[in-house]
């Protein structure tokens, strides 16, 4: 089968959609299908791929690739790459990896266009039940994969740190909530005085977060690690016991929680969007924006060894369901069915 794979951004970008695009394109190719990736990302990076990556295609190249394809897969709606499909009428599958809405939640003309576009897809996949409910109730829910070749338990790394926040330092991600919750614990009970928090990431809020740390006199408890990636990131996660994901924005899924879990961290996440799907029964969930509830969740998990053991057991089966080969096979079942190779899912 000839799969035309559309994604706005691709390697060497390392965001969630880009990483998922790379995982899925590899899996489709390894399953024996011929894959061509169309993307607007110009930088080729330095990694070879077993499939062709066509960057910033001309209008003529768009027509040529759509004519070539047996089926078109969009890793998030890609109207600027997908519109020639109107002429060739190839079956299409679209994955929804984020909300169909503007940043503030309003619906713009672009979002109305995307929903019209989804009507012509044979199948729509949503990365979480929250995305399905809000954006396309008929969608098939398939969670995201994680990079199991990178994010693993590393026994040689000493797990001697308590909490880690990993993400871009912007207000939506809630790093300040993690700092304030830690302050409540450290100042509320002497047995929590030595708790540590690592903040890994960069962004425009870093200075404000450092100022807040000083204001709350938490300089001895909090370390700002900066941006970390690759094997260094896996080592960093392995040195921590728990991960805090206190997003005030409703995350469509939350790959970071899977990555932390795969490295042995117990995730504590806010209840917005797809984060509860991302952790399943292997983490704690608290009401979004409620600092007291976050502090209570932290207190609960570090004070109850039985609960910690139960969450770590749950992580094994949860991660198994999100392995790249498992998730990719589910995607291929939908794509092959849409192409008429199997009974329609």
Protein backbone atom coordinates (compact mmCIF):
# COMPACT_ATOMS: atom_id res chain seq x y z
CA UNK A 1 0.00 0.00 0.00
CA UNK A 2 1.23 3.50 -0.83
CA UNK A 3 0.68 5.74 2.20
CA UNK A 4 1.03 9.48 1.75
CA UNK A 5 1.82 10.75 5.25
CA UNK A 6 1.08 14.45 5.88
CA UNK A 7 2.45 16.38 8.85
CA UNK A 8 2.99 20.13 9.15
CA UNK A 9 6.22 19.62 11.08
CA UNK A 10 8.66 16.73 11.19
CA UNK A 11 12.18 15.85 12.33
CA UNK A 12 14.40 17.58 13.41
CA UNK A 13 11.65 19.28 15.44
CA UNK A 14 11.08 17.37 18.69
CA UNK A 15 7.56 18.37 19.76
CA UNK A 16 4.87 15.79 20.49
CA UNK A 17 3.31 15.79 17.02
CA UNK A 18 6.71 15.62 15.33
CA UNK A 19 7.90 12.71 17.48
CA UNK A 20 4.65 10.83 16.90
CA UNK A 21 4.94 11.44 13.15
CA UNK A 22 8.40 9.90 13.14
CA UNK A 23 7.32 6.86 15.19
CA UNK A 24 4.28 6.15 13.01
CA UNK A 25 6.00 6.72 9.67
CA UNK A 26 8.75 4.28 10.69
CA UNK A 27 6.18 1.70 11.78
CA UNK A 28 4.15 1.97 8.57
CA UNK A 29 7.34 1.49 6.54
CA UNK A 30 8.50 -1.46 8.67
CA UNK A 31 5.09 -3.10 8.14
CA UNK A 32 5.92 -3.29 4.42
CA UNK A 33 4.03 -0.26 3.15
CA UNK A 34 5.60 2.36 0.89
CA UNK A 35 5.58 5.67 2.77
CA UNK A 36 6.23 9.21 1.61
CA UNK A 37 6.15 12.05 4.13
CA UNK A 38 5.08 15.55 3.10
CA UNK A 39 6.03 18.33 5.54
CA UNK A 40 6.71 22.06 5.64
CA UNK A 41 9.82 21.50 7.79
CA UNK A 42 12.77 22.54 5.65
CA UNK A 43 15.71 21.52 7.85
CA UNK A 44 16.67 17.92 6.91
CA UNK A 45 18.68 17.35 10.10
CA UNK A 46 21.23 14.53 10.02
CA UNK A 47 19.13 11.40 10.38
CA UNK A 48 18.44 9.05 7.44
CA UNK A 49 14.97 7.55 7.02
CA UNK A 50 13.81 4.34 5.29
CA UNK A 51 11.14 6.40 3.50
CA UNK A 52 11.17 9.54 1.41
CA UNK A 53 10.67 12.86 3.20
CA UNK A 54 9.52 15.64 0.88
CA UNK A 55 10.03 19.04 2.50
CA UNK A 56 8.12 22.21 1.58
CA UNK A 57 6.62 20.67 -1.58
CA UNK A 58 5.65 22.80 -4.55
CA UNK A 59 2.08 22.76 -5.83
CA UNK A 60 3.15 20.44 -8.64
CA UNK A 61 4.79 18.05 -6.19
CA UNK A 62 1.64 18.03 -4.06
CA UNK A 63 -0.41 16.93 -7.08
CA UNK A 64 2.17 14.30 -8.03
CA UNK A 65 2.24 12.73 -4.55
CA UNK A 66 -1.54 12.67 -4.17
CA UNK A 67 -1.81 10.98 -7.55
CA UNK A 68 0.76 8.39 -6.41
CA UNK A 69 -0.96 7.50 -3.12
CA UNK A 70 -3.38 4.67 -2.36
CA UNK A 71 -4.41 6.40 0.88
CA UNK A 72 -3.66 9.71 2.60
CA UNK A 73 -2.96 9.88 6.32
CA UNK A 74 -2.92 13.29 8.06
CA UNK A 75 -1.12 13.41 11.40
CA UNK A 76 -3.37 16.27 12.56
CA UNK A 77 -5.43 18.10 9.92
CA UNK A 78 -3.07 19.45 7.22
CA UNK A 79 -5.32 21.31 4.78
CA UNK A 80 -2.46 23.10 3.03
CA UNK A 81 -0.87 19.74 2.22
CA UNK A 82 -4.09 17.76 1.82
CA UNK A 83 -6.31 19.87 -0.47
CA UNK A 84 -5.25 18.14 -3.75
CA UNK A 85 -7.05 15.11 -2.35
CA UNK A 86 -10.28 16.77 -3.48
CA UNK A 87 -9.25 16.04 -7.07
CA UNK A 88 -7.94 12.51 -6.66
CA UNK A 89 -10.52 11.21 -4.20
CA UNK A 90 -8.13 8.93 -2.34
CA UNK A 91 -9.45 7.51 0.95
CA UNK A 92 -8.22 9.49 3.93
CA UNK A 93 -7.59 8.99 7.63
CA UNK A 94 -7.05 11.99 9.91
CA UNK A 95 -5.61 11.91 13.42
CA UNK A 96 -6.64 14.65 15.86
CA UNK A 97 -3.65 15.33 18.11
CA UNK A 98 -4.88 18.62 19.51
CA UNK A 99 -8.06 20.66 19.86
CA UNK A 100 -9.87 22.08 16.84
CA UNK A 101 -10.01 25.56 18.34
CA UNK A 102 -7.95 28.71 18.80
CA UNK A 103 -5.61 29.03 21.80
CA UNK A 104 -8.29 30.75 23.85
CA UNK A 105 -10.84 28.05 23.05
CA UNK A 106 -12.79 30.07 20.49
CA UNK A 107 -13.75 28.53 17.14
CA UNK A 108 -12.31 30.40 14.16
CA UNK A 109 -12.96 30.00 10.45
CA UNK A 110 -9.91 27.71 10.24
CA UNK A 111 -11.52 25.37 12.76
CA UNK A 112 -14.83 25.32 10.89
CA UNK A 113 -12.89 24.45 7.73
CA UNK A 114 -11.12 21.60 9.52
CA UNK A 115 -14.42 20.14 10.71
CA UNK A 116 -15.80 20.32 7.19
CA UNK A 117 -12.65 18.55 6.00
CA UNK A 118 -13.08 15.77 8.55
CA UNK A 119 -16.44 14.88 7.00
CA UNK A 120 -14.73 13.47 3.93
CA UNK A 121 -12.34 11.25 5.92
CA UNK A 122 -13.08 7.53 5.99
CA UNK A 123 -11.90 7.42 9.62
CA UNK A 124 -10.90 9.95 12.26
CA UNK A 125 -8.61 9.05 15.17
CA UNK A 126 -8.50 11.06 18.42
CA UNK A 127 -5.55 10.82 20.82
CA UNK A 128 -7.75 10.94 23.92
CA UNK A 129 -11.36 10.61 24.91
CA UNK A 130 -11.41 14.32 25.75
CA UNK A 131 -10.39 15.21 22.17
CA UNK A 132 -12.98 12.79 20.80
CA UNK A 133 -15.79 14.23 22.91
CA UNK A 134 -15.00 17.86 22.16
CA UNK A 135 -13.91 17.65 18.53
CA UNK A 136 -15.32 14.61 16.73
CA UNK A 137 -17.57 12.24 18.75
CA UNK A 138 -17.41 9.51 16.07
CA UNK A 139 -13.61 9.32 16.27
CA UNK A 140 -11.73 6.16 17.24
CA UNK A 141 -9.61 6.80 20.36
CA UNK A 142 -5.98 5.66 20.12
CA UNK A 143 -3.54 7.13 22.64
CA UNK A 144 -0.05 8.29 21.81
CA UNK A 145 3.04 6.08 21.76
CA UNK A 146 6.25 6.87 23.63
CA UNK A 147 9.83 6.23 22.52
CA UNK A 148 10.53 2.97 24.32
CA UNK A 149 14.04 2.81 22.87
CA UNK A 150 14.96 6.00 24.77
CA UNK A 151 12.68 6.22 27.79
CA UNK A 152 13.46 3.15 29.90
CA UNK A 153 14.50 2.28 33.44
CA UNK A 154 18.27 2.73 33.80
CA UNK A 155 19.35 0.78 36.91
CA UNK A 156 22.79 2.39 36.88
CA UNK A 157 21.25 5.84 37.57
CA UNK A 158 20.80 6.68 41.25
CA UNK A 159 17.18 7.70 41.94
CA UNK A 160 18.02 10.28 44.59
CA UNK A 161 15.76 13.23 43.65
CA UNK A 162 12.08 13.66 44.49
CA UNK A 163 10.03 15.61 41.93
CA UNK A 164 10.57 16.76 38.38
CA UNK A 165 8.63 19.17 36.21
CA UNK A 166 9.45 18.76 32.52
CA UNK A 167 8.14 21.09 29.86
CA UNK A 168 8.30 24.46 28.20
CA UNK A 169 8.34 27.24 30.79
CA UNK A 170 5.15 29.04 29.81
CA UNK A 171 2.24 29.93 32.06
CA UNK A 172 -0.06 27.26 30.55
CA UNK A 173 2.18 24.42 31.77
CA UNK A 174 1.78 25.32 35.44
CA UNK A 175 5.38 25.14 36.70
CA UNK A 176 4.47 27.89 39.18
CA UNK A 177 1.78 25.58 40.57
CA UNK A 178 4.44 22.97 41.29
CA UNK A 179 6.59 25.55 43.09
CA UNK A 180 3.69 26.84 45.20
CA UNK A 181 2.53 23.32 46.12
CA UNK A 182 6.07 22.44 47.21
CA UNK A 183 6.14 25.59 49.34
CA UNK A 184 2.94 24.54 51.12
CA UNK A 185 4.50 21.19 52.02
CA UNK A 186 7.95 22.43 52.99
CA UNK A 187 6.56 25.15 55.25
CA UNK A 188 3.64 23.12 56.57
CA UNK A 189 5.44 20.10 57.99
CA UNK A 190 9.07 19.70 59.04
CA UNK A 191 9.23 16.16 57.63
CA UNK A 192 8.79 17.58 54.12
CA UNK A 193 11.44 20.28 54.55
CA UNK A 194 14.03 18.45 52.45
CA UNK A 195 11.83 17.73 49.41
CA UNK A 196 13.49 18.53 46.08
CA UNK A 197 12.03 19.71 42.78
CA UNK A 198 13.86 19.88 39.46
CA UNK A 199 12.45 22.16 36.78
CA UNK A 200 13.68 20.96 33.38
CA UNK A 201 12.92 23.15 30.38
CA UNK A 202 13.30 26.63 28.98
CA UNK A 203 10.84 29.36 28.10
CA UNK A 204 9.78 32.96 28.68
CA UNK A 205 8.58 32.26 32.23
CA UNK A 206 11.93 31.06 33.56
CA UNK A 207 12.90 34.36 35.17
CA UNK A 208 9.50 34.70 36.85
CA UNK A 209 9.76 31.14 38.16
CA UNK A 210 13.25 31.78 39.54
CA UNK A 211 11.96 34.98 41.20
CA UNK A 212 9.06 33.03 42.73
CA UNK A 213 11.51 30.42 44.05
CA UNK A 214 13.54 33.13 45.79
CA UNK A 215 10.42 34.87 47.10
CA UNK A 216 9.27 31.61 48.71
CA UNK A 217 12.81 30.86 50.01
CA UNK A 218 13.00 27.55 48.15
CA UNK A 219 16.46 27.98 46.63
CA UNK A 220 17.73 24.92 48.52
CA UNK A 221 14.80 22.80 47.31
CA UNK A 222 14.45 23.75 43.66
CA UNK A 223 16.96 23.29 40.81
CA UNK A 224 16.50 24.83 37.37
CA UNK A 225 18.07 22.36 34.94
CA UNK A 226 17.36 24.13 31.65
CA UNK A 227 16.54 22.28 28.43
CA UNK A 228 17.43 18.58 28.50
CA UNK A 229 16.94 16.07 25.69
CA UNK A 230 17.93 12.66 24.40
CA UNK A 231 19.85 10.26 26.62
CA UNK A 232 20.61 13.04 29.09
CA UNK A 233 16.87 13.56 29.57
CA UNK A 234 16.28 9.84 30.15
CA UNK A 235 19.04 9.86 32.79
CA UNK A 236 17.52 12.95 34.39
CA UNK A 237 14.08 11.34 34.62
CA UNK A 238 15.59 8.15 36.03
CA UNK A 239 17.11 10.14 38.90
CA UNK A 240 13.64 11.25 40.09
CA UNK A 241 10.84 9.41 41.91
CA UNK A 242 7.84 11.48 40.85
CA UNK A 243 6.79 13.72 37.97
CA UNK A 244 4.51 16.75 38.32
CA UNK A 245 2.36 17.71 35.30
CA UNK A 246 0.20 20.53 36.71
CA UNK A 247 -0.91 21.99 33.36
CA UNK A 248 -3.54 24.70 33.63
CA UNK A 249 -4.10 24.32 29.89
CA UNK A 250 -6.11 21.27 28.93
CA UNK A 251 -3.51 19.03 27.32
CA UNK A 252 -4.90 16.98 24.41
CA UNK A 253 -2.91 13.98 25.70
CA UNK A 254 0.37 14.45 27.58
CA UNK A 255 3.29 12.40 26.23
CA UNK A 256 5.57 13.76 28.95
CA UNK A 257 3.66 11.72 31.54
CA UNK A 258 4.30 8.50 29.59
CA UNK A 259 7.99 9.36 29.21
CA UNK A 260 8.36 10.00 32.92
CA UNK A 261 6.48 6.82 33.78
CA UNK A 262 8.69 4.78 31.44
CA UNK A 263 11.73 6.08 33.33
CA UNK A 264 10.27 5.09 36.70
CA UNK A 265 8.57 8.32 37.79
CA UNK A 266 5.07 8.24 39.29
CA UNK A 267 3.08 10.99 37.52
CA UNK A 268 0.82 13.46 39.36
CA UNK A 269 -1.23 15.29 36.73
CA UNK A 270 -4.04 17.83 36.48
CA UNK A 271 -7.43 16.59 35.33
CA UNK A 272 -7.73 18.75 32.22
CA UNK A 273 -8.09 17.31 28.73
CA UNK A 274 -6.29 14.07 27.94
CA UNK A 275 -3.87 13.90 30.88
CA UNK A 276 -6.05 11.37 32.76
CA UNK A 277 -5.92 9.16 29.63
CA UNK A 278 -2.13 9.56 29.49
CA UNK A 279 -1.61 8.21 33.02
CA UNK A 280 -4.54 5.78 33.26
CA UNK A 281 -4.52 4.07 36.66
CA UNK A 282 -0.75 4.49 37.02
CA UNK A 283 -0.79 8.07 38.36
CA UNK A 284 -2.65 10.51 40.57
CA UNK A 285 -5.02 13.12 39.13
CA UNK A 286 -5.95 16.38 40.87
CA UNK A 287 -8.34 19.23 39.92
CA UNK A 288 -6.69 21.59 37.45
CA UNK A 289 -5.47 24.83 39.02
CA UNK A 290 -6.02 23.67 42.62
CA UNK A 291 -2.65 24.08 44.38
CA UNK A 292 -3.93 22.67 47.67
CA UNK A 293 -5.17 19.54 45.88
CA UNK A 294 -1.78 19.17 44.17
CA UNK A 295 -0.02 19.45 47.54
CA UNK A 296 -2.41 16.86 49.01
CA UNK A 297 -1.69 14.47 46.11
CA UNK A 298 2.04 14.85 46.67
CA UNK A 299 1.61 14.24 50.40
CA UNK A 300 -0.55 11.18 49.73
CA UNK A 301 1.86 9.41 47.42
CA UNK A 302 5.02 10.05 49.44
CA UNK A 303 3.30 8.99 52.68
CA UNK A 304 1.77 5.75 51.41
CA UNK A 305 4.31 3.11 50.27
CA UNK A 306 1.46 0.71 49.42
CA UNK A 307 -0.08 3.22 47.02
CA UNK A 308 3.30 3.90 45.43
CA UNK A 309 3.82 0.17 44.87
CA UNK A 310 0.34 -0.17 43.34
CA UNK A 311 0.93 2.74 40.96
CA UNK A 312 4.26 1.29 39.85
CA UNK A 313 2.58 -2.05 39.14
CA UNK A 314 -0.13 -0.33 37.08
CA UNK A 315 2.55 1.47 35.07
CA UNK A 316 3.79 -1.82 33.60
CA UNK A 317 0.54 -2.71 31.83
CA UNK A 318 -0.23 0.93 30.98
CA UNK A 319 3.11 1.40 29.23
CA UNK A 320 2.64 -1.89 27.40
CA UNK A 321 -0.51 -0.48 25.78
CA UNK A 322 1.42 2.58 24.60
CA UNK A 323 4.46 0.88 23.09
CA UNK A 324 5.16 2.16 19.56
CA UNK A 325 4.53 -1.21 17.92
CA UNK A 326 1.19 -1.63 19.72
CA UNK A 327 -0.06 1.88 18.92
CA UNK A 328 1.22 1.73 15.34
CA UNK A 329 -0.56 -1.57 14.74
CA UNK A 330 -3.82 0.00 15.86
CA UNK A 331 -3.25 2.91 13.47
CA UNK A 332 -2.47 0.53 10.64
CA UNK A 333 -5.65 -1.44 11.33
CA UNK A 334 -7.64 1.76 10.80
CA UNK A 335 -5.64 2.82 7.73
CA UNK A 336 -5.76 -0.61 6.07
CA UNK A 337 -9.49 -0.81 6.72
CA UNK A 338 -9.97 2.63 5.18
CA UNK A 339 -8.02 1.51 2.13
CA UNK A 340 -10.26 -1.53 1.79
CA UNK A 341 -7.62 -4.08 2.83
CA UNK A 342 -9.67 -5.22 5.83
CA UNK A 343 -13.24 -5.10 7.02
CA UNK A 344 -14.00 -1.50 7.97
CA UNK A 345 -13.17 -0.76 11.64
